[in-house]
Amino acid sequence: MTDTSQIKEHMDVVSSDKKTVGKVDHLEGSDKIKLTKQSSPDGVHHHFIPVGWIDHVDQHVHLTKSDAEVTAHWQHEGIK
């Protein structure tokens, strides 16, 4: 299990294929990361990714999923 206390606001979230998929807004409960609106493809809505997708955290949040997997399966604001 990842130590979520290491996750800070505005950290880049990086897919397994080394693409930045967003920036951390904050942790949503204990099981999701809420990404900033500004880092979403439309610039309007927040997206959420499960903490279970995290591989590790250093200066970035690194995921076990590819960019395509993340954007296909993240949750959209309002559909939590």
PDB file of N, CA and C in Angstrom:
ATOM      1  N   MET A   1       0.840  -1.190   0.000  1.00  0.00           N
ATOM      2  CA  MET A   1       0.000   0.000   0.000  1.00  0.00           C
ATOM      3  C   MET A   1       0.880   1.246   0.000  1.00  0.00           C
ATOM      4  N   THR A   2       0.526   2.196  -0.791  1.00  0.00           N
ATOM      5  CA  THR A   2       1.275   3.436  -0.921  1.00  0.00           C
ATOM      6  C   THR A   2       1.035   4.346   0.274  1.00  0.00           C
ATOM      7  N   ASP A   3       2.096   5.021   0.714  1.00  0.00           N
ATOM      8  CA  ASP A   3       1.978   6.011   1.782  1.00  0.00           C
ATOM      9  C   ASP A   3       1.440   7.301   1.174  1.00  0.00           C
ATOM     10  N   THR A   4       0.146   7.513   1.300  1.00  0.00           N
ATOM     11  CA  THR A   4      -0.491   8.671   0.664  1.00  0.00           C
ATOM     12  C   THR A   4      -0.110   9.989   1.330  1.00  0.00           C
ATOM     13  N   SER A   5       0.516   9.945   2.505  1.00  0.00           N
ATOM     14  CA  SER A   5       0.942  11.184   3.161  1.00  0.00           C
ATOM     15  C   SER A   5       2.038  11.889   2.364  1.00  0.00           C
ATOM     16  N   GLN A   6       2.683  11.174   1.452  1.00  0.00           N
ATOM     17  CA  GLN A   6       3.723  11.762   0.601  1.00  0.00           C
ATOM     18  C   GLN A   6       3.136  12.545  -0.576  1.00  0.00           C
ATOM     19  N   ILE A   7       1.848  12.385  -0.829  1.00  0.00           N
ATOM     20  CA  ILE A   7       1.204  13.046  -1.967  1.00  0.00           C
ATOM     21  C   ILE A   7       0.855  14.476  -1.580  1.00  0.00           C
ATOM     22  N   LYS A   8       1.350  15.426  -2.364  1.00  0.00           N
ATOM     23  CA  LYS A   8       1.153  16.850  -2.086  1.00  0.00           C
ATOM     24  C   LYS A   8       0.428  17.524  -3.245  1.00  0.00           C
ATOM     25  N   GLU A   9      -0.235  18.638  -2.946  1.00  0.00           N
ATOM     26  CA  GLU A   9      -0.921  19.416  -3.979  1.00  0.00           C
ATOM     27  C   GLU A   9       0.046  19.809  -5.087  1.00  0.00           C
ATOM     28  N   HIS A  10      -0.450  19.773  -6.298  1.00  0.00           N
ATOM     29  CA  HIS A  10       0.244  20.203  -7.512  1.00  0.00           C
ATOM     30  C   HIS A  10       1.411  19.307  -7.929  1.00  0.00           C
ATOM     31  N   MET A  11       1.526  18.113  -7.336  1.00  0.00           N
ATOM     32  CA  MET A  11       2.503  17.142  -7.837  1.00  0.00           C
ATOM     33  C   MET A  11       2.009  16.640  -9.188  1.00  0.00           C
ATOM     34  N   ASP A  12       2.935  16.410 -10.110  1.00  0.00           N
ATOM     35  CA  ASP A  12       2.573  15.787 -11.379  1.00  0.00           C
ATOM     36  C   ASP A  12       2.200  14.330 -11.139  1.00  0.00           C
ATOM     37  N   VAL A  13       1.196  13.870 -11.872  1.00  0.00           N
ATOM     38  CA  VAL A  13       0.794  12.465 -11.859  1.00  0.00           C
ATOM     39  C   VAL A  13       1.233  11.891 -13.203  1.00  0.00           C
ATOM     40  N   VAL A  14       2.095  10.872 -13.157  1.00  0.00           N
ATOM     41  CA  VAL A  14       2.762  10.361 -14.348  1.00  0.00           C
ATOM     42  C   VAL A  14       2.352   8.911 -14.603  1.00  0.00           C
ATOM     43  N   SER A  15       1.959   8.630 -15.840  1.00  0.00           N
ATOM     44  CA  SER A  15       1.538   7.275 -16.221  1.00  0.00           C
ATOM     45  C   SER A  15       2.748   6.352 -16.357  1.00  0.00           C
ATOM     46  N   SER A  16       2.477   5.064 -16.497  1.00  0.00           N
ATOM     47  CA  SER A  16       3.555   4.079 -16.636  1.00  0.00           C
ATOM     48  C   SER A  16       4.355   4.276 -17.920  1.00  0.00           C
ATOM     49  N   ASP A  17       3.745   4.937 -18.914  1.00  0.00           N
ATOM     50  CA  ASP A  17       4.469   5.233 -20.154  1.00  0.00           C
ATOM     51  C   ASP A  17       5.026   6.663 -20.153  1.00  0.00           C
ATOM     52  N   LYS A  18       5.231   7.187 -18.945  1.00  0.00           N
ATOM     53  CA  LYS A  18       5.957   8.448 -18.711  1.00  0.00           C
ATOM     54  C   LYS A  18       5.261   9.698 -19.227  1.00  0.00           C
ATOM     55  N   LYS A  19       3.939   9.668 -19.326  1.00  0.00           N
ATOM     56  CA  LYS A  19       3.188  10.860 -19.739  1.00  0.00           C
ATOM     57  C   LYS A  19       2.527  11.480 -18.513  1.00  0.00           C
ATOM     58  N   THR A  20       2.544  12.794 -18.432  1.00  0.00           N
ATOM     59  CA  THR A  20       1.873  13.484 -17.333  1.00  0.00           C
ATOM     60  C   THR A  20       0.377  13.484 -17.614  1.00  0.00           C
ATOM     61  N   VAL A  21      -0.390  12.887 -16.712  1.00  0.00           N
ATOM     62  CA  VAL A  21      -1.843  12.791 -16.907  1.00  0.00           C
ATOM     63  C   VAL A  21      -2.598  13.851 -16.119  1.00  0.00           C
ATOM     64  N   GLY A  22      -1.907  14.575 -15.268  1.00  0.00           N
ATOM     65  CA  GLY A  22      -2.546  15.640 -14.504  1.00  0.00           C
ATOM     66  C   GLY A  22      -1.695  16.075 -13.338  1.00  0.00           C
ATOM     67  N   LYS A  23      -2.279  16.967 -12.532  1.00  0.00           N
ATOM     68  CA  LYS A  23      -1.653  17.446 -11.303  1.00  0.00           C
ATOM     69  C   LYS A  23      -2.607  17.192 -10.149  1.00  0.00           C
ATOM     70  N   VAL A  24      -2.044  16.859  -9.003  1.00  0.00           N
ATOM     71  CA  VAL A  24      -2.839  16.586  -7.812  1.00  0.00           C
ATOM     72  C   VAL A  24      -3.520  17.868  -7.341  1.00  0.00           C
ATOM     73  N   ASP A  25      -4.833  17.804  -7.157  1.00  0.00           N
ATOM     74  CA  ASP A  25      -5.557  18.861  -6.454  1.00  0.00           C
ATOM     75  C   ASP A  25      -5.487  18.518  -4.962  1.00  0.00           C
ATOM     76  N   HIS A  26      -5.998  17.332  -4.604  1.00  0.00           N
ATOM     77  CA  HIS A  26      -5.896  16.828  -3.238  1.00  0.00           C
ATOM     78  C   HIS A  26      -6.379  15.379  -3.197  1.00  0.00           C
ATOM     79  N   LEU A  27      -6.172  14.752  -2.048  1.00  0.00           N
ATOM     80  CA  LEU A  27      -6.730  13.417  -1.839  1.00  0.00           C
ATOM     81  C   LEU A  27      -8.211  13.564  -1.545  1.00  0.00           C
ATOM     82  N   GLU A  28      -9.005  12.734  -2.170  1.00  0.00           N
ATOM     83  CA  GLU A  28     -10.455  12.717  -1.965  1.00  0.00           C
ATOM     84  C   GLU A  28     -10.753  11.479  -1.127  1.00  0.00           C
ATOM     85  N   GLY A  29     -10.932  11.670   0.176  1.00  0.00           N
ATOM     86  CA  GLY A  29     -11.078  10.536   1.071  1.00  0.00           C
ATOM     87  C   GLY A  29      -9.751   9.806   1.172  1.00  0.00           C
ATOM     88  N   SER A  30      -9.817   8.514   1.379  1.00  0.00           N
ATOM     89  CA  SER A  30      -8.583   7.735   1.507  1.00  0.00           C
ATOM     90  C   SER A  30      -8.286   6.901   0.266  1.00  0.00           C
ATOM     91  N   ASP A  31      -9.178   6.977  -0.735  1.00  0.00           N
ATOM     92  CA  ASP A  31      -9.024   6.052  -1.859  1.00  0.00           C
ATOM     93  C   ASP A  31      -8.923   6.694  -3.238  1.00  0.00           C
ATOM     94  N   LYS A  32      -8.957   8.037  -3.322  1.00  0.00           N
ATOM     95  CA  LYS A  32      -8.898   8.683  -4.640  1.00  0.00           C
ATOM     96  C   LYS A  32      -8.014   9.917  -4.608  1.00  0.00           C
ATOM     97  N   ILE A  33      -7.401  10.199  -5.756  1.00  0.00           N
ATOM     98  CA  ILE A  33      -6.706  11.466  -5.969  1.00  0.00           C
ATOM     99  C   ILE A  33      -7.575  12.295  -6.895  1.00  0.00           C
ATOM    100  N   LYS A  34      -7.849  13.513  -6.475  1.00  0.00           N
ATOM    101  CA  LYS A  34      -8.586  14.452  -7.320  1.00  0.00           C
ATOM    102  C   LYS A  34      -7.552  15.270  -8.082  1.00  0.00           C
ATOM    103  N   LEU A  35      -7.690  15.294  -9.405  1.00  0.00           N
ATOM    104  CA  LEU A  35      -6.779  16.061 -10.248  1.00  0.00           C
ATOM    105  C   LEU A  35      -7.327  17.471 -10.457  1.00  0.00           C
ATOM    106  N   THR A  36      -6.437  18.430 -10.675  1.00  0.00           N
ATOM    107  CA  THR A  36      -6.871  19.812 -10.882  1.00  0.00           C
ATOM    108  C   THR A  36      -7.663  19.940 -12.177  1.00  0.00           C
ATOM    109  N   LYS A  37      -8.598  20.875 -12.190  1.00  0.00           N
ATOM    110  CA  LYS A  37      -9.369  21.156 -13.411  1.00  0.00           C
ATOM    111  C   LYS A  37      -8.445  21.598 -14.534  1.00  0.00           C
ATOM    112  N   GLN A  38      -7.477  22.438 -14.185  1.00  0.00           N
ATOM    113  CA  GLN A  38      -6.579  22.996 -15.191  1.00  0.00           C
ATOM    114  C   GLN A  38      -5.755  21.927 -15.903  1.00  0.00           C
ATOM    115  N   SER A  39      -5.531  20.801 -15.238  1.00  0.00           N
ATOM    116  CA  SER A  39      -4.737  19.745 -15.871  1.00  0.00           C
ATOM    117  C   SER A  39      -5.593  18.719 -16.600  1.00  0.00           C
ATOM    118  N   SER A  40      -6.912  18.912 -16.602  1.00  0.00           N
ATOM    119  CA  SER A  40      -7.782  17.979 -17.321  1.00  0.00           C
ATOM    120  C   SER A  40      -7.818  18.346 -18.802  1.00  0.00           C
ATOM    121  N   PRO A  41      -8.125  17.394 -19.662  1.00  0.00           N
ATOM    122  CA  PRO A  41      -8.139  17.678 -21.103  1.00  0.00           C
ATOM    123  C   PRO A  41      -9.063  18.831 -21.493  1.00  0.00           C
ATOM    124  N   ASP A  42     -10.205  18.963 -20.801  1.00  0.00           N
ATOM    125  CA  ASP A  42     -11.132  20.042 -21.160  1.00  0.00           C
ATOM    126  C   ASP A  42     -10.894  21.312 -20.346  1.00  0.00           C
ATOM    127  N   GLY A  43     -10.069  21.235 -19.306  1.00  0.00           N
ATOM    128  CA  GLY A  43      -9.777  22.393 -18.479  1.00  0.00           C
ATOM    129  C   GLY A  43     -10.942  22.854 -17.624  1.00  0.00           C
ATOM    130  N   VAL A  44     -12.008  22.066 -17.569  1.00  0.00           N
ATOM    131  CA  VAL A  44     -13.229  22.476 -16.882  1.00  0.00           C
ATOM    132  C   VAL A  44     -13.595  21.540 -15.725  1.00  0.00           C
ATOM    133  N   HIS A  45     -13.368  20.256 -15.878  1.00  0.00           N
ATOM    134  CA  HIS A  45     -13.828  19.269 -14.896  1.00  0.00           C
ATOM    135  C   HIS A  45     -12.661  18.599 -14.170  1.00  0.00           C
ATOM    136  N   HIS A  46     -12.910  18.279 -12.908  1.00  0.00           N
ATOM    137  CA  HIS A  46     -11.957  17.466 -12.150  1.00  0.00           C
ATOM    138  C   HIS A  46     -12.097  16.009 -12.589  1.00  0.00           C
ATOM    139  N   HIS A  47     -11.004  15.265 -12.482  1.00  0.00           N
ATOM    140  CA  HIS A  47     -11.027  13.821 -12.685  1.00  0.00           C
ATOM    141  C   HIS A  47     -10.443  13.176 -11.436  1.00  0.00           C
ATOM    142  N   PHE A  48     -10.815  11.930 -11.210  1.00  0.00           N
ATOM    143  CA  PHE A  48     -10.385  11.198 -10.028  1.00  0.00           C
ATOM    144  C   PHE A  48      -9.724   9.897 -10.455  1.00  0.00           C
ATOM    145  N   ILE A  49      -8.627   9.558  -9.769  1.00  0.00           N
ATOM    146  CA  ILE A  49      -7.975   8.275 -10.019  1.00  0.00           C
ATOM    147  C   ILE A  49      -7.827   7.536  -8.689  1.00  0.00           C
ATOM    148  N   PRO A  50      -7.983   6.221  -8.707  1.00  0.00           N
ATOM    149  CA  PRO A  50      -7.867   5.445  -7.474  1.00  0.00           C
ATOM    150  C   PRO A  50      -6.431   5.405  -6.952  1.00  0.00           C
ATOM    151  N   VAL A  51      -6.300   5.450  -5.649  1.00  0.00           N
ATOM    152  CA  VAL A  51      -4.993   5.330  -5.011  1.00  0.00           C
ATOM    153  C   VAL A  51      -4.354   3.985  -5.372  1.00  0.00           C
ATOM    154  N   GLY A  52      -5.163   2.976  -5.641  1.00  0.00           N
ATOM    155  CA  GLY A  52      -4.654   1.656  -6.006  1.00  0.00           C
ATOM    156  C   GLY A  52      -3.858   1.628  -7.301  1.00  0.00           C
ATOM    157  N   TRP A  53      -3.965   2.674  -8.106  1.00  0.00           N
ATOM    158  CA  TRP A  53      -3.195   2.749  -9.351  1.00  0.00           C
ATOM    159  C   TRP A  53      -1.776   3.271  -9.131  1.00  0.00           C
ATOM    160  N   ILE A  54      -1.455   3.690  -7.922  1.00  0.00           N
ATOM    161  CA  ILE A  54      -0.142   4.277  -7.650  1.00  0.00           C
ATOM    162  C   ILE A  54       0.908   3.183  -7.543  1.00  0.00           C
ATOM    163  N   ASP A  55       1.993   3.367  -8.273  1.00  0.00           N
ATOM    164  CA  ASP A  55       3.152   2.490  -8.168  1.00  0.00           C
ATOM    165  C   ASP A  55       4.059   2.985  -7.044  1.00  0.00           C
ATOM    166  N   HIS A  56       4.430   4.273  -7.115  1.00  0.00           N
ATOM    167  CA  HIS A  56       5.251   4.876  -6.064  1.00  0.00           C
ATOM    168  C   HIS A  56       5.149   6.396  -6.142  1.00  0.00           C
ATOM    169  N   VAL A  57       5.632   7.040  -5.085  1.00  0.00           N
ATOM    170  CA  VAL A  57       5.624   8.496  -5.003  1.00  0.00           C
ATOM    171  C   VAL A  57       7.039   8.956  -4.690  1.00  0.00           C
ATOM    172  N   ASP A  58       7.546   9.887  -5.505  1.00  0.00           N
ATOM    173  CA  ASP A  58       8.793  10.585  -5.191  1.00  0.00           C
ATOM    174  C   ASP A  58       8.468  12.064  -5.364  1.00  0.00           C
ATOM    175  N   GLN A  59       9.119  12.761  -6.276  1.00  0.00           N
ATOM    176  CA  GLN A  59       8.698  14.139  -6.541  1.00  0.00           C
ATOM    177  C   GLN A  59       7.441  14.179  -7.406  1.00  0.00           C
ATOM    178  N   HIS A  60       7.039  13.035  -7.931  1.00  0.00           N
ATOM    179  CA  HIS A  60       5.820  12.869  -8.721  1.00  0.00           C
ATOM    180  C   HIS A  60       5.044  11.665  -8.175  1.00  0.00           C
ATOM    181  N   VAL A  61       3.794  11.562  -8.594  1.00  0.00           N
ATOM    182  CA  VAL A  61       2.987  10.375  -8.305  1.00  0.00           C
ATOM    183  C   VAL A  61       3.063   9.501  -9.554  1.00  0.00           C
ATOM    184  N   HIS A  62       3.653   8.326  -9.435  1.00  0.00           N
ATOM    185  CA  HIS A  62       3.842   7.422 -10.572  1.00  0.00           C
ATOM    186  C   HIS A  62       2.774   6.330 -10.531  1.00  0.00           C
ATOM    187  N   LEU A  63       2.142   6.103 -11.669  1.00  0.00           N
ATOM    188  CA  LEU A  63       1.047   5.141 -11.764  1.00  0.00           C
ATOM    189  C   LEU A  63       1.484   3.835 -12.423  1.00  0.00           C
ATOM    190  N   THR A  64       0.701   2.795 -12.203  1.00  0.00           N
ATOM    191  CA  THR A  64       0.930   1.494 -12.839  1.00  0.00           C
ATOM    192  C   THR A  64       0.189   1.384 -14.164  1.00  0.00           C
ATOM    193  N   LYS A  65      -0.605   2.380 -14.498  1.00  0.00           N
ATOM    194  CA  LYS A  65      -1.430   2.373 -15.716  1.00  0.00           C
ATOM    195  C   LYS A  65      -0.825   3.289 -16.777  1.00  0.00           C
ATOM    196  N   SER A  66      -1.050   2.942 -18.039  1.00  0.00           N
ATOM    197  CA  SER A  66      -0.604   3.788 -19.153  1.00  0.00           C
ATOM    198  C   SER A  66      -1.511   5.010 -19.268  1.00  0.00           C
ATOM    199  N   ASP A  67      -1.072   5.985 -20.026  1.00  0.00           N
ATOM    200  CA  ASP A  67      -1.875   7.189 -20.271  1.00  0.00           C
ATOM    201  C   ASP A  67      -3.248   6.815 -20.824  1.00  0.00           C
ATOM    202  N   ALA A  68      -3.277   5.910 -21.793  1.00  0.00           N
ATOM    203  CA  ALA A  68      -4.544   5.499 -22.410  1.00  0.00           C
ATOM    204  C   ALA A  68      -5.460   4.817 -21.390  1.00  0.00           C
ATOM    205  N   GLU A  69      -4.891   3.963 -20.536  1.00  0.00           N
ATOM    206  CA  GLU A  69      -5.694   3.289 -19.508  1.00  0.00           C
ATOM    207  C   GLU A  69      -6.254   4.293 -18.501  1.00  0.00           C
ATOM    208  N   VAL A  70      -5.426   5.247 -18.102  1.00  0.00           N
ATOM    209  CA  VAL A  70      -5.869   6.249 -17.123  1.00  0.00           C
ATOM    210  C   VAL A  70      -7.033   7.052 -17.678  1.00  0.00           C
ATOM    211  N   THR A  71      -6.864   7.610 -18.867  1.00  0.00           N
ATOM    212  CA  THR A  71      -7.911   8.479 -19.419  1.00  0.00           C
ATOM    213  C   THR A  71      -9.168   7.699 -19.809  1.00  0.00           C
ATOM    214  N   ALA A  72      -9.034   6.411 -20.063  1.00  0.00           N
ATOM    215  CA  ALA A  72     -10.210   5.592 -20.383  1.00  0.00           C
ATOM    216  C   ALA A  72     -11.003   5.213 -19.133  1.00  0.00           C
ATOM    217  N   HIS A  73     -10.328   5.172 -17.976  1.00  0.00           N
ATOM    218  CA  HIS A  73     -10.977   4.622 -16.784  1.00  0.00           C
ATOM    219  C   HIS A  73     -11.048   5.558 -15.586  1.00  0.00           C
ATOM    220  N   TRP A  74     -10.511   6.784 -15.701  1.00  0.00           N
ATOM    221  CA  TRP A  74     -10.646   7.678 -14.554  1.00  0.00           C
ATOM    222  C   TRP A  74     -12.092   8.084 -14.385  1.00  0.00           C
ATOM    223  N   GLN A  75     -12.418   8.546 -13.195  1.00  0.00           N
ATOM    224  CA  GLN A  75     -13.782   8.994 -12.915  1.00  0.00           C
ATOM    225  C   GLN A  75     -13.875  10.486 -13.195  1.00  0.00           C
ATOM    226  N   HIS A  76     -15.016  10.887 -13.704  1.00  0.00           N
ATOM    227  CA  HIS A  76     -15.262  12.288 -14.013  1.00  0.00           C
ATOM    228  C   HIS A  76     -15.996  12.946 -12.856  1.00  0.00           C
ATOM    229  N   GLU A  77     -15.763  14.226 -12.674  1.00  0.00           N
ATOM    230  CA  GLU A  77     -16.448  14.994 -11.635  1.00  0.00           C
ATOM    231  C   GLU A  77     -17.955  14.787 -11.752  1.00  0.00           C
ATOM    232  N   GLY A  78     -18.596  14.563 -10.622  1.00  0.00           N
ATOM    233  CA  GLY A  78     -20.037  14.352 -10.624  1.00  0.00           C
ATOM    234  C   GLY A  78     -20.442  12.897 -10.759  1.00  0.00           C
ATOM    235  N   ILE A  79     -19.475  12.007 -11.080  1.00  0.00           N
ATOM    236  CA  ILE A  79     -19.768  10.571 -11.239  1.00  0.00           C
ATOM    237  C   ILE A  79     -18.914   9.781 -10.249  1.00  0.00           C
ATOM    238  N   LYS A  80     -18.731  10.313  -9.081  1.00  0.00           N
ATOM    239  CA  LYS A  80     -17.883   9.672  -8.077  1.00  0.00           C
ATOM    240  C   LYS A  80     -18.489   8.361  -7.685  1.00  0.00           C
TER     241      LYS A  80
END
